[in-house]
N, C-alpha and C. Protein backbone atom coordinates (compact mmCIF):
# COMPACT_ATOMS: atom_id res chain seq x y z
N UNK A 1 -5.60 24.08 -38.63
CA UNK A 1 -4.32 24.63 -38.25
C UNK A 1 -3.21 23.89 -38.98
N UNK A 2 -2.38 24.63 -39.64
CA UNK A 2 -1.28 24.05 -40.39
C UNK A 2 0.05 24.36 -39.70
N UNK A 3 0.12 24.04 -38.40
CA UNK A 3 1.31 24.33 -37.61
C UNK A 3 2.38 23.28 -37.87
N UNK A 4 3.61 23.72 -38.07
CA UNK A 4 4.74 22.82 -38.30
C UNK A 4 4.99 22.01 -37.03
N UNK A 5 5.21 20.71 -37.21
CA UNK A 5 5.50 19.85 -36.08
C UNK A 5 6.86 20.22 -35.50
N UNK A 6 6.94 20.35 -34.17
CA UNK A 6 8.19 20.71 -33.53
C UNK A 6 9.14 19.53 -33.50
N UNK A 7 10.42 19.81 -33.69
CA UNK A 7 11.46 18.79 -33.60
C UNK A 7 12.38 19.10 -32.43
N UNK A 8 13.36 18.22 -32.19
CA UNK A 8 14.27 18.41 -31.07
C UNK A 8 14.99 19.75 -31.09
N UNK A 9 15.34 20.24 -32.29
CA UNK A 9 16.03 21.52 -32.39
C UNK A 9 15.13 22.65 -31.89
N UNK A 10 13.83 22.54 -32.21
CA UNK A 10 12.88 23.55 -31.77
C UNK A 10 12.77 23.57 -30.25
N UNK A 11 12.73 22.39 -29.65
CA UNK A 11 12.62 22.31 -28.20
C UNK A 11 13.87 22.86 -27.53
N UNK A 12 15.05 22.52 -28.07
CA UNK A 12 16.30 22.96 -27.48
C UNK A 12 16.50 24.46 -27.63
N UNK A 13 16.03 25.02 -28.73
CA UNK A 13 16.29 26.43 -29.01
C UNK A 13 15.13 27.33 -28.60
N UNK A 14 14.03 26.73 -28.21
CA UNK A 14 12.86 27.54 -27.91
C UNK A 14 13.05 28.32 -26.62
N UNK A 15 12.25 29.34 -26.46
CA UNK A 15 12.31 30.18 -25.27
C UNK A 15 11.48 29.63 -24.14
N UNK A 16 11.00 28.38 -24.24
CA UNK A 16 10.15 27.83 -23.19
C UNK A 16 10.91 27.64 -21.89
N UNK A 17 12.22 27.40 -21.97
CA UNK A 17 13.03 27.30 -20.77
C UNK A 17 12.77 26.06 -19.92
N UNK A 18 12.20 25.04 -20.51
CA UNK A 18 11.90 23.84 -19.74
C UNK A 18 13.02 22.81 -19.79
N UNK A 19 14.00 22.99 -20.65
CA UNK A 19 15.11 22.05 -20.76
C UNK A 19 15.09 21.30 -22.07
N UNK A 20 16.10 20.45 -22.25
CA UNK A 20 16.25 19.71 -23.49
C UNK A 20 15.42 18.43 -23.49
N UNK A 21 15.08 18.01 -24.70
CA UNK A 21 14.41 16.72 -24.90
C UNK A 21 15.30 15.92 -25.83
N UNK A 22 15.79 14.78 -25.35
CA UNK A 22 16.66 13.91 -26.14
C UNK A 22 16.09 12.50 -26.13
N UNK A 23 16.29 11.78 -27.21
CA UNK A 23 15.87 10.38 -27.29
C UNK A 23 17.10 9.49 -27.20
N UNK A 24 17.03 8.46 -26.37
CA UNK A 24 18.08 7.46 -26.26
C UNK A 24 18.13 6.67 -27.57
N UNK A 25 19.31 6.14 -27.90
CA UNK A 25 19.46 5.35 -29.12
C UNK A 25 18.50 4.17 -29.15
N UNK A 26 18.18 3.61 -27.98
CA UNK A 26 17.27 2.46 -27.94
C UNK A 26 15.88 2.82 -28.46
N UNK A 27 15.48 4.07 -28.32
CA UNK A 27 14.17 4.50 -28.84
C UNK A 27 14.17 4.39 -30.36
N UNK A 28 15.22 4.90 -30.98
CA UNK A 28 15.32 4.83 -32.44
C UNK A 28 15.38 3.37 -32.90
N UNK A 29 16.12 2.55 -32.17
CA UNK A 29 16.26 1.13 -32.53
C UNK A 29 14.92 0.41 -32.45
N UNK A 30 14.16 0.68 -31.41
CA UNK A 30 12.86 0.03 -31.25
C UNK A 30 11.87 0.47 -32.33
N UNK A 31 11.84 1.76 -32.61
CA UNK A 31 10.93 2.27 -33.65
C UNK A 31 11.33 1.70 -35.02
N UNK A 32 12.62 1.70 -35.32
CA UNK A 32 13.09 1.16 -36.61
C UNK A 32 12.79 -0.33 -36.71
N UNK A 33 13.01 -1.07 -35.64
CA UNK A 33 12.71 -2.51 -35.64
C UNK A 33 11.24 -2.78 -35.83
N UNK A 34 10.41 -2.00 -35.17
CA UNK A 34 8.96 -2.16 -35.31
C UNK A 34 8.52 -1.86 -36.75
N UNK A 35 9.05 -0.79 -37.32
CA UNK A 35 8.70 -0.43 -38.71
C UNK A 35 9.17 -1.51 -39.67
N UNK A 36 10.38 -2.03 -39.45
CA UNK A 36 10.94 -3.04 -40.35
C UNK A 36 10.13 -4.33 -40.35
N UNK A 37 9.62 -4.71 -39.20
CA UNK A 37 8.86 -5.96 -39.12
C UNK A 37 7.53 -5.87 -39.88
N UNK A 38 7.10 -4.67 -40.25
CA UNK A 38 5.88 -4.47 -41.03
C UNK A 38 6.11 -4.59 -42.53
N UNK A 39 7.38 -4.65 -42.95
CA UNK A 39 7.70 -4.66 -44.38
C UNK A 39 7.67 -6.10 -44.89
N UNK A 40 6.86 -6.34 -45.89
CA UNK A 40 6.76 -7.66 -46.51
C UNK A 40 8.09 -8.01 -47.14
N UNK A 41 8.61 -9.17 -46.79
CA UNK A 41 9.87 -9.63 -47.35
C UNK A 41 11.03 -9.59 -46.38
N UNK A 42 10.87 -8.86 -45.26
CA UNK A 42 11.93 -8.83 -44.25
C UNK A 42 11.82 -10.08 -43.40
N UNK A 43 12.89 -10.88 -43.38
CA UNK A 43 12.90 -12.10 -42.58
C UNK A 43 13.43 -11.83 -41.18
N UNK A 44 14.57 -11.14 -41.08
CA UNK A 44 15.15 -10.81 -39.78
C UNK A 44 15.84 -9.46 -39.82
N UNK A 45 15.99 -8.88 -38.65
CA UNK A 45 16.78 -7.67 -38.47
C UNK A 45 17.84 -8.04 -37.44
N UNK A 46 19.08 -8.06 -37.85
CA UNK A 46 20.14 -8.44 -36.94
C UNK A 46 19.95 -9.83 -36.36
N UNK A 47 19.30 -10.71 -37.10
CA UNK A 47 19.08 -12.08 -36.64
C UNK A 47 17.81 -12.28 -35.83
N UNK A 48 17.07 -11.21 -35.56
CA UNK A 48 15.82 -11.32 -34.79
C UNK A 48 14.64 -11.29 -35.75
N UNK A 49 13.67 -12.18 -35.49
CA UNK A 49 12.62 -12.34 -36.49
C UNK A 49 11.21 -12.11 -35.99
N UNK A 50 11.00 -11.76 -34.73
CA UNK A 50 9.64 -11.57 -34.25
C UNK A 50 9.50 -10.24 -33.53
N UNK A 51 8.28 -9.75 -33.45
CA UNK A 51 8.03 -8.51 -32.73
C UNK A 51 8.38 -8.67 -31.26
N UNK A 52 8.27 -9.87 -30.73
CA UNK A 52 8.64 -10.12 -29.34
C UNK A 52 10.11 -9.89 -29.08
N UNK A 53 10.92 -9.99 -30.13
CA UNK A 53 12.36 -9.75 -30.00
C UNK A 53 12.69 -8.26 -29.94
N UNK A 54 11.71 -7.40 -30.16
CA UNK A 54 11.99 -5.96 -30.19
C UNK A 54 12.58 -5.46 -28.89
N UNK A 55 12.25 -6.10 -27.80
CA UNK A 55 12.81 -5.67 -26.52
C UNK A 55 14.33 -5.78 -26.54
N UNK A 56 14.86 -6.66 -27.37
CA UNK A 56 16.30 -6.86 -27.46
C UNK A 56 16.99 -5.78 -28.28
N UNK A 57 16.23 -4.87 -28.87
CA UNK A 57 16.83 -3.83 -29.69
C UNK A 57 17.60 -2.81 -28.87
N UNK A 58 17.61 -2.95 -27.56
CA UNK A 58 18.43 -2.09 -26.72
C UNK A 58 19.89 -2.53 -26.77
N UNK A 59 20.10 -3.80 -27.14
CA UNK A 59 21.45 -4.35 -27.15
C UNK A 59 22.29 -3.73 -28.26
N UNK A 60 23.60 -3.81 -28.07
CA UNK A 60 24.53 -3.25 -29.06
C UNK A 60 24.42 -3.96 -30.40
N UNK A 61 24.31 -5.29 -30.40
CA UNK A 61 24.26 -6.07 -31.63
C UNK A 61 22.82 -6.32 -32.07
N UNK A 62 22.02 -5.27 -32.08
CA UNK A 62 20.60 -5.40 -32.41
C UNK A 62 20.34 -5.46 -33.90
N UNK A 63 21.32 -5.12 -34.72
CA UNK A 63 21.10 -5.05 -36.16
C UNK A 63 20.69 -3.68 -36.61
N UNK A 64 20.54 -2.76 -35.66
CA UNK A 64 20.20 -1.37 -35.97
C UNK A 64 21.26 -0.48 -35.32
N UNK A 65 21.93 0.32 -36.14
CA UNK A 65 22.91 1.27 -35.62
C UNK A 65 22.34 2.67 -35.77
N UNK A 66 22.60 3.51 -34.78
CA UNK A 66 22.07 4.87 -34.74
C UNK A 66 23.21 5.85 -34.60
N UNK A 67 23.16 6.91 -35.42
CA UNK A 67 24.15 7.99 -35.32
C UNK A 67 23.37 9.30 -35.17
N UNK A 68 23.70 10.04 -34.10
CA UNK A 68 23.09 11.35 -33.86
C UNK A 68 24.19 12.40 -33.84
N UNK A 69 23.83 13.62 -33.50
CA UNK A 69 24.81 14.70 -33.45
C UNK A 69 25.87 14.47 -32.39
N UNK A 70 25.60 13.58 -31.44
CA UNK A 70 26.61 13.26 -30.42
C UNK A 70 27.80 12.52 -31.04
N UNK A 71 27.53 11.68 -32.07
CA UNK A 71 28.58 10.91 -32.72
C UNK A 71 29.11 11.58 -33.99
N UNK A 72 28.28 12.34 -34.66
CA UNK A 72 28.65 12.96 -35.93
C UNK A 72 28.34 14.46 -35.85
N UNK A 73 29.36 15.26 -35.73
CA UNK A 73 29.18 16.71 -35.55
C UNK A 73 28.61 17.39 -36.80
N UNK A 74 28.58 16.69 -37.94
CA UNK A 74 27.98 17.26 -39.15
C UNK A 74 26.45 17.21 -39.11
N UNK A 75 25.90 16.44 -38.17
CA UNK A 75 24.44 16.34 -38.02
C UNK A 75 23.95 17.43 -37.09
N UNK A 76 22.77 17.96 -37.39
CA UNK A 76 22.17 18.93 -36.48
C UNK A 76 21.56 18.18 -35.29
N UNK A 77 21.15 18.89 -34.28
CA UNK A 77 20.55 18.27 -33.09
C UNK A 77 19.29 17.46 -33.42
N UNK A 78 18.66 17.79 -34.53
CA UNK A 78 17.40 17.13 -34.87
C UNK A 78 17.54 16.09 -35.97
N UNK A 79 18.78 15.71 -36.32
CA UNK A 79 18.99 14.72 -37.39
C UNK A 79 19.53 13.41 -36.84
N UNK A 80 19.20 12.33 -37.55
CA UNK A 80 19.65 11.00 -37.18
C UNK A 80 19.92 10.20 -38.44
N UNK A 81 20.91 9.30 -38.36
CA UNK A 81 21.20 8.35 -39.43
C UNK A 81 21.04 6.96 -38.85
N UNK A 82 20.34 6.08 -39.57
CA UNK A 82 20.16 4.72 -39.13
C UNK A 82 20.75 3.75 -40.15
N UNK A 83 21.31 2.66 -39.65
CA UNK A 83 21.81 1.58 -40.50
C UNK A 83 21.20 0.27 -39.99
N UNK A 84 20.60 -0.48 -40.90
CA UNK A 84 19.95 -1.73 -40.53
C UNK A 84 20.58 -2.90 -41.25
N UNK A 85 20.82 -3.98 -40.53
CA UNK A 85 21.32 -5.24 -41.09
C UNK A 85 20.14 -6.19 -41.15
N UNK A 86 19.77 -6.61 -42.37
CA UNK A 86 18.57 -7.42 -42.54
C UNK A 86 18.84 -8.67 -43.36
N UNK A 87 17.96 -9.63 -43.19
CA UNK A 87 17.89 -10.80 -44.04
C UNK A 87 16.53 -10.74 -44.73
N UNK A 88 16.49 -11.06 -46.00
CA UNK A 88 15.27 -10.97 -46.79
C UNK A 88 14.81 -12.37 -47.20
N UNK A 89 13.49 -12.55 -47.20
CA UNK A 89 12.95 -13.83 -47.65
C UNK A 89 13.25 -14.03 -49.13
N UNK A 90 13.71 -15.23 -49.46
CA UNK A 90 14.01 -15.60 -50.83
C UNK A 90 12.77 -15.42 -51.70
N UNK A 91 12.97 -14.88 -52.89
CA UNK A 91 11.87 -14.69 -53.83
C UNK A 91 11.35 -13.27 -53.89
N UNK A 92 11.71 -12.44 -52.91
CA UNK A 92 11.30 -11.04 -52.91
C UNK A 92 12.36 -10.20 -53.63
N UNK A 93 11.92 -9.15 -54.28
CA UNK A 93 12.83 -8.24 -54.96
C UNK A 93 13.58 -7.42 -53.91
N UNK A 94 14.89 -7.58 -53.85
CA UNK A 94 15.70 -6.96 -52.81
C UNK A 94 15.58 -5.44 -52.86
N UNK A 95 15.66 -4.85 -54.04
CA UNK A 95 15.57 -3.40 -54.16
C UNK A 95 14.22 -2.88 -53.64
N UNK A 96 13.13 -3.53 -54.03
CA UNK A 96 11.80 -3.08 -53.60
C UNK A 96 11.62 -3.21 -52.09
N UNK A 97 12.08 -4.32 -51.52
CA UNK A 97 11.98 -4.52 -50.08
C UNK A 97 12.79 -3.46 -49.34
N UNK A 98 14.00 -3.22 -49.80
CA UNK A 98 14.88 -2.26 -49.12
C UNK A 98 14.37 -0.82 -49.22
N UNK A 99 13.85 -0.43 -50.37
CA UNK A 99 13.33 0.93 -50.49
C UNK A 99 12.07 1.11 -49.64
N UNK A 100 11.23 0.07 -49.56
CA UNK A 100 10.06 0.14 -48.69
C UNK A 100 10.50 0.21 -47.23
N UNK A 101 11.53 -0.54 -46.87
CA UNK A 101 12.08 -0.50 -45.52
C UNK A 101 12.59 0.90 -45.19
N UNK A 102 13.35 1.49 -46.10
CA UNK A 102 13.86 2.85 -45.88
C UNK A 102 12.72 3.84 -45.67
N UNK A 103 11.70 3.75 -46.51
CA UNK A 103 10.57 4.68 -46.42
C UNK A 103 9.83 4.52 -45.08
N UNK A 104 9.55 3.27 -44.70
CA UNK A 104 8.80 3.04 -43.46
C UNK A 104 9.57 3.48 -42.22
N UNK A 105 10.85 3.14 -42.19
CA UNK A 105 11.67 3.52 -41.03
C UNK A 105 11.74 5.04 -40.93
N UNK A 106 12.00 5.71 -42.04
CA UNK A 106 12.08 7.17 -42.06
C UNK A 106 10.77 7.78 -41.57
N UNK A 107 9.65 7.32 -42.13
CA UNK A 107 8.35 7.88 -41.77
C UNK A 107 8.03 7.68 -40.28
N UNK A 108 8.29 6.48 -39.75
CA UNK A 108 7.95 6.21 -38.35
C UNK A 108 8.86 6.97 -37.39
N UNK A 109 10.15 7.01 -37.68
CA UNK A 109 11.06 7.76 -36.81
C UNK A 109 10.66 9.23 -36.77
N UNK A 110 10.39 9.81 -37.94
CA UNK A 110 10.04 11.22 -37.99
C UNK A 110 8.70 11.49 -37.33
N UNK A 111 7.75 10.59 -37.48
CA UNK A 111 6.44 10.76 -36.89
C UNK A 111 6.46 10.64 -35.36
N UNK A 112 7.19 9.66 -34.87
CA UNK A 112 7.17 9.39 -33.43
C UNK A 112 8.12 10.28 -32.65
N UNK A 113 9.30 10.57 -33.20
CA UNK A 113 10.32 11.30 -32.44
C UNK A 113 10.46 12.76 -32.84
N UNK A 114 9.97 13.15 -34.00
CA UNK A 114 10.14 14.48 -34.57
C UNK A 114 11.57 14.76 -35.00
N UNK A 115 12.46 13.77 -34.93
CA UNK A 115 13.80 13.91 -35.50
C UNK A 115 13.70 13.78 -37.02
N UNK A 116 14.61 14.40 -37.73
CA UNK A 116 14.67 14.29 -39.17
C UNK A 116 15.66 13.17 -39.52
N UNK A 117 15.22 12.22 -40.34
CA UNK A 117 16.09 11.11 -40.73
C UNK A 117 16.87 11.54 -41.97
N UNK A 118 18.18 11.64 -41.80
CA UNK A 118 19.03 12.06 -42.92
C UNK A 118 19.25 10.90 -43.88
N UNK A 119 19.48 9.68 -43.34
CA UNK A 119 19.68 8.50 -44.18
C UNK A 119 19.22 7.26 -43.43
N UNK A 120 18.76 6.28 -44.21
CA UNK A 120 18.51 4.93 -43.70
C UNK A 120 19.33 4.01 -44.60
N UNK A 121 20.44 3.52 -44.07
CA UNK A 121 21.31 2.61 -44.80
C UNK A 121 20.86 1.17 -44.53
N UNK A 122 20.76 0.38 -45.57
CA UNK A 122 20.33 -1.01 -45.42
C UNK A 122 21.43 -1.93 -45.94
N UNK A 123 21.83 -2.87 -45.09
CA UNK A 123 22.82 -3.87 -45.47
C UNK A 123 22.12 -5.22 -45.48
N UNK A 124 21.99 -5.83 -46.65
CA UNK A 124 21.34 -7.14 -46.77
C UNK A 124 22.40 -8.19 -46.47
N UNK A 125 22.21 -8.90 -45.36
CA UNK A 125 23.17 -9.91 -44.91
C UNK A 125 22.96 -11.26 -45.58
N UNK A 126 21.77 -11.47 -46.14
CA UNK A 126 21.52 -12.75 -46.77
C UNK A 126 20.06 -12.94 -47.10
N UNK A 127 19.77 -14.12 -47.64
CA UNK A 127 18.41 -14.51 -47.97
C UNK A 127 18.03 -15.69 -47.11
N UNK A 128 16.75 -15.80 -46.81
CA UNK A 128 16.26 -16.88 -45.97
C UNK A 128 15.05 -17.51 -46.64
N UNK A 129 15.01 -18.84 -46.60
CA UNK A 129 13.84 -19.54 -47.13
C UNK A 129 12.71 -19.40 -46.12
N UNK A 130 11.50 -19.24 -46.62
CA UNK A 130 10.33 -19.10 -45.75
C UNK A 130 9.93 -20.48 -45.24
N UNK A 131 9.72 -20.59 -43.94
CA UNK A 131 9.30 -21.85 -43.33
C UNK A 131 7.84 -22.13 -43.69
N UNK A 132 7.56 -23.34 -44.11
CA UNK A 132 6.20 -23.77 -44.39
C UNK A 132 5.63 -24.42 -43.14
N UNK A 133 4.30 -24.48 -43.00
CA UNK A 133 3.73 -25.19 -41.86
C UNK A 133 4.24 -26.63 -41.85
N UNK A 134 4.61 -27.12 -40.69
CA UNK A 134 5.14 -28.47 -40.59
C UNK A 134 6.65 -28.50 -40.60
N UNK A 135 7.29 -27.31 -40.68
CA UNK A 135 8.74 -27.24 -40.58
C UNK A 135 9.50 -27.34 -41.88
N UNK A 136 8.84 -27.62 -43.00
CA UNK A 136 9.54 -27.71 -44.28
C UNK A 136 9.85 -26.31 -44.80
N UNK A 137 10.93 -26.20 -45.55
CA UNK A 137 11.30 -24.91 -46.15
C UNK A 137 10.83 -24.87 -47.59
N UNK A 138 10.38 -23.69 -47.99
CA UNK A 138 9.89 -23.49 -49.35
C UNK A 138 11.09 -23.36 -50.29
N UNK A 139 11.12 -24.16 -51.32
CA UNK A 139 12.22 -24.11 -52.28
C UNK A 139 11.75 -23.68 -53.66
N UNK A 140 12.60 -23.82 -54.64
CA UNK A 140 12.27 -23.45 -56.00
C UNK A 140 11.13 -24.31 -56.52
N UNK A 141 10.25 -23.73 -57.27
CA UNK A 141 9.11 -24.41 -57.88
C UNK A 141 8.23 -25.12 -56.87
N UNK A 142 8.25 -24.63 -55.60
CA UNK A 142 7.38 -25.17 -54.59
C UNK A 142 7.84 -26.49 -53.99
N UNK A 143 9.03 -26.96 -54.34
CA UNK A 143 9.54 -28.21 -53.79
C UNK A 143 10.20 -27.95 -52.45
N UNK A 144 10.07 -28.90 -51.54
CA UNK A 144 10.71 -28.77 -50.22
C UNK A 144 12.21 -28.97 -50.36
N UNK A 145 12.96 -28.18 -49.59
CA UNK A 145 14.42 -28.32 -49.57
C UNK A 145 14.87 -28.49 -48.13
N UNK A 146 16.05 -28.97 -47.95
CA UNK A 146 16.60 -29.14 -46.60
C UNK A 146 17.48 -27.98 -46.26
């Protein structure tokens, strides 16, 4: 069966008469945060660096901003725009990390929510040195830095 996956617009406009299905912004934030933590080279999202911090993605300053048709009338009921504030580990190619982040976030949001992702904007807030075992930071040419 090659049936098209239903999206929010389909549910709202369908003749099923069961009512609307809407996702809270926190759902998009949690899915985007989870997807971002899978991308090699992402150090933090909005200052949070572990999957355990994902519960905090409900907060306003989560590092993930969500825009739906409620905020932007140019968007259809089934479209969403996300903006992520990230820190990248030093030594990774910023463009490659960011494009992988955009792809993963888009794919996961669309797969889990059936919303269409119009854009994933990425703002790189800085670079972070990767912590080595024992608390030392990895520096240039493998030398420890403070």
